[in-house]
C-alpha cells in the first residue's frame, strides 16, 4: 500500500490541468482509488487506477 495514499489526502492526476483543483482521496483499495472534487459533495466519487495518480500531498 502506498503510504501517501490515505483518505483525506489531496492528489493530482497525470496530465491534470494546472487550473483544476486537487482531488480529495476518499478510498484506496488495491489498484484503484476513489477521488472527488470538494465541490462535488460526499456522494459523487470517481474511481481511477492508482497509476493515474501523479502526486499525493499529505493531508
C-alpha atoms as a PDB file:
ATOM      1  CA  UNK A   1       0.000   0.000   0.000  1.00  0.00           C
ATOM      2  CA  UNK A   2       1.318   3.421  -0.913  1.00  0.00           C
ATOM      3  CA  UNK A   3       1.795   5.264   2.386  1.00  0.00           C
ATOM      4  CA  UNK A   4       0.893   8.635   0.860  1.00  0.00           C
ATOM      5  CA  UNK A   5      -2.441   7.410  -0.500  1.00  0.00           C
ATOM      6  CA  UNK A   6      -4.568   7.840   2.577  1.00  0.00           C
ATOM      7  CA  UNK A   7      -8.153   9.059   2.793  1.00  0.00           C
ATOM      8  CA  UNK A   8      -8.266  12.809   3.194  1.00  0.00           C
ATOM      9  CA  UNK A   9      -5.026  13.475   1.303  1.00  0.00           C
ATOM     10  CA  UNK A  10      -5.060  15.646  -1.796  1.00  0.00           C
ATOM     11  CA  UNK A  11      -3.895  14.114  -5.065  1.00  0.00           C
ATOM     12  CA  UNK A  12      -3.289  15.211  -8.648  1.00  0.00           C
ATOM     13  CA  UNK A  13      -3.726  13.122 -11.765  1.00  0.00           C
ATOM     14  CA  UNK A  14      -1.158  12.708 -14.504  1.00  0.00           C
ATOM     15  CA  UNK A  15      -1.846  15.368 -17.120  1.00  0.00           C
ATOM     16  CA  UNK A  16      -4.242  17.271 -14.841  1.00  0.00           C
ATOM     17  CA  UNK A  17      -4.590  20.914 -15.955  1.00  0.00           C
ATOM     18  CA  UNK A  18      -2.990  23.351 -13.538  1.00  0.00           C
ATOM     19  CA  UNK A  19      -6.237  25.301 -13.125  1.00  0.00           C
ATOM     20  CA  UNK A  20      -8.138  22.197 -11.917  1.00  0.00           C
ATOM     21  CA  UNK A  21      -8.038  21.905  -8.099  1.00  0.00           C
ATOM     22  CA  UNK A  22      -6.505  18.857  -6.443  1.00  0.00           C
ATOM     23  CA  UNK A  23      -8.758  15.888  -5.779  1.00  0.00           C
ATOM     24  CA  UNK A  24      -9.547  14.512  -2.314  1.00  0.00           C
ATOM     25  CA  UNK A  25      -8.714  10.841  -1.909  1.00  0.00           C
ATOM     26  CA  UNK A  26     -11.732   9.111  -0.426  1.00  0.00           C
ATOM     27  CA  UNK A  27     -10.737   5.438  -0.596  1.00  0.00           C
ATOM     28  CA  UNK A  28      -7.736   3.376  -1.719  1.00  0.00           C
ATOM     29  CA  UNK A  29      -8.070  -0.333  -2.432  1.00  0.00           C
ATOM     30  CA  UNK A  30      -5.506  -2.287  -4.409  1.00  0.00           C
ATOM     31  CA  UNK A  31      -5.026  -0.903  -7.919  1.00  0.00           C
ATOM     32  CA  UNK A  32      -7.871   1.613  -7.624  1.00  0.00           C
ATOM     33  CA  UNK A  33      -8.747   4.676  -5.610  1.00  0.00           C
ATOM     34  CA  UNK A  34     -11.869   6.794  -5.353  1.00  0.00           C
ATOM     35  CA  UNK A  35     -11.378  10.541  -5.604  1.00  0.00           C
ATOM     36  CA  UNK A  36     -13.616  13.602  -5.677  1.00  0.00           C
ATOM     37  CA  UNK A  37     -13.516  17.349  -6.003  1.00  0.00           C
ATOM     38  CA  UNK A  38     -14.535  19.178  -2.831  1.00  0.00           C
ATOM     39  CA  UNK A  39     -17.278  20.964  -4.775  1.00  0.00           C
ATOM     40  CA  UNK A  40     -18.828  17.629  -5.831  1.00  0.00           C
ATOM     41  CA  UNK A  41     -20.092  16.744  -2.354  1.00  0.00           C
ATOM     42  CA  UNK A  42     -19.546  13.479  -0.485  1.00  0.00           C
ATOM     43  CA  UNK A  43     -21.734  11.271  -2.676  1.00  0.00           C
ATOM     44  CA  UNK A  44     -20.015  11.844  -6.040  1.00  0.00           C
ATOM     45  CA  UNK A  45     -16.728   9.989  -6.435  1.00  0.00           C
ATOM     46  CA  UNK A  46     -14.594   8.927  -9.387  1.00  0.00           C
ATOM     47  CA  UNK A  47     -12.877   5.528  -9.461  1.00  0.00           C
ATOM     48  CA  UNK A  48      -9.413   5.781 -11.042  1.00  0.00           C
ATOM     49  CA  UNK A  49      -6.429   3.493 -11.440  1.00  0.00           C
ATOM     50  CA  UNK A  50      -3.680   4.293  -8.932  1.00  0.00           C
ATOM     51  CA  UNK A  51      -1.233   4.508 -11.846  1.00  0.00           C
ATOM     52  CA  UNK A  52      -3.029   7.716 -12.925  1.00  0.00           C
ATOM     53  CA  UNK A  53      -2.080   9.460  -9.657  1.00  0.00           C
ATOM     54  CA  UNK A  54       0.875  11.781 -10.208  1.00  0.00           C
ATOM     55  CA  UNK A  55       1.290  13.478  -6.883  1.00  0.00           C
ATOM     56  CA  UNK A  56      -0.009  12.981  -3.359  1.00  0.00           C
ATOM     57  CA  UNK A  57       0.166  15.658  -0.689  1.00  0.00           C
ATOM     58  CA  UNK A  58      -0.103  14.719   2.949  1.00  0.00           C
ATOM     59  CA  UNK A  59      -3.333  15.990   4.426  1.00  0.00           C
END
